[in-house]
Amino acid sequence: MKNLTITAPKGFLAAGLHCGIKASGKPDLALLYCPNGAAAAAVFTTNKIVSAAVTVCREHARSGRTFAAVINSGNANACTGQKGIADAQKMCQTSAELLGIRPEQVLIASTGIIGHPLPIQTVCEGLRKAAARLGEGAAAGLNFAKAILTTDTKVKNAVRTVKLNGKTVTLAGTVKGAGMIGPNMATTLCILTTDAAIRKPLLQKALRTAVDQSLNRLTVDGHQSTNDTAMILASGLAGNRMIQKQDGAYHRFETALTELCLDLARQMALDAEGATRMFTVVIEGAASAAEARQAARAVANYDLVKCAVHGADPNWGRIICAVGSSGVRLNPEKLTCKIGQITVFRNGQPARFDPKKVSRIIAQKEHTITVYLGAGIHSDFCMGCDLSREYITINADYHT
C-alpha cells in the first residue's frame, strides 16, 4: 500500500488509538515522533480565547529542536483555567518521559468540546500505549489521522514530492475540520511533516504562506475556534542541501507546501458538516488585495448563496447582493458574474443564459463563481460549501 500519510517523509513514526476521552470508543489520541529531531514551525488561531494546548504549543514551538507532537480529540481543553494549562503540560511531560526527550521538545494540540476538564490520567495511560505502538508505515499514519477527527466523516491525507538540489523531498499532511470553520483556520488541526533540510525561520515563513493560501481561504460557517493549530516538522533526512535563504529551492519547497495545504483544504470543504458540494469564489478587478479577499469571503460566507448552492439554484442575485453589501469598492456598470464559464450577469445587467445548464454546473461536486468588480486590478479567492439541513442537525445534536 502506497504511503499517503504523515509517515511518508523519512524520519517519522506515528500512532493513534482510543484512550477513553470519547464515549463513542472512536480513536482520540495521536502521537507523532521524529527520533532524530526536527525543525518545527506552527501557526495558531487568532481568536482572543485560546485553548491550553495553544498556549503551551506557542511556547514549545520556539524550541530549537522538536521531537514529537501529541494531539487529542474529543476534548478541547479550552476555558479550563490553570488546570487546563497543567494538563497540557502534563501531556508534554509524559510524552517526553516516554520518548527520552524534554517536555519543551513536544508540540501539542487539542480539539473537541469546550469547557470540560481533560481526563488527564486517561490521556497519560493512552500515551504509554501510543508510544509502544509507534510505527513508520501507512497503517500507523492512518491511525494517527483517525485519532484527530471530531465531526469529520473521513480522514484527510495528502502527499507531495519535489526535487531540491537533485534530491527528492517528500511533504505530507493530515487535517481535521468539518465545522466552525472560517478564516482564519477555525476548528482546524493540521499536522504536516517533511524530510526537507530547511532552517527554522524559513520553515515558519513557508508555513505562513502556505496556510494563508489554503486553510485561510476556506470558510464553512464563518466561525473561528479556540484551538486552531497548524504545525510542520522537518526531519532534514532527504539529503538536500540545507535551505538557508529564499532561493530557487526555497520557492519550490514553498510551492509544494502550498499545494499540499490547498489539497487538504479542499478535502475539508468536501467533508464539511452537512456539505454535499463545495464552491470557489474568485474575485477579479478589485481596488485592492484586501478588498478582493474581503469580497470573496463575503460571498462564500453568505448564507443565502450557500443555500442556493445546496439547491443548485442559479440565483445570481444573491451573489450580487453579497458583493454589494461586503463594503468593497465596485463599479455597478461593470459588475459581472459568471457561474462556471457561463455569464449570468454582465456590466450591471442580467445576461441571457440557460438556467438548467447553470443548475447542472452548481450541482457538481465543485464549481467556481467569478465576480468582476470593475474597480481595479486585484484578485483573490475563497472556498466555501453549501448549507444543508444536515449542518443544523449535526450542530443541534452535538453535545452541550
Foldseek 3Di string as FASTA:
>chain_A
DDAQFQLNAPQKWKAWACLDLDPVRWIWKMKMFRLLWFQKAKDFFPDPFAALLVVLQVQLNPDRTATMEMEGEAEQNTPAPPLSNVLNLVLLCLLCVLSVHHSSNYHYFYYHDPDDRDPSVSSSVVSNVGSVVIDSGNVRRLNNQRNREDLFPHWFKGKDWDAAQNFIKIKIKTKYDADQAAPPQARMEMEMEIQAAEHNVLVNVLVVVLSCQASRQEDAARGHDNTGMHMYTHNNRRPHDYHDDPDPRSVRVSVRSSVRRNSRRLVNQLRHQPFPAKEKEKEFAFQDQVLQSLLQRQQQNQQVNLQCLVVLFPPCVSSVVSNVPSPGAADLQQKWKDKANRTQAGRNGGDDDDRVVSSVSSNDRYIYMYIYRNHHGYMDMHMYTHDDPRNVVCVVPRDD
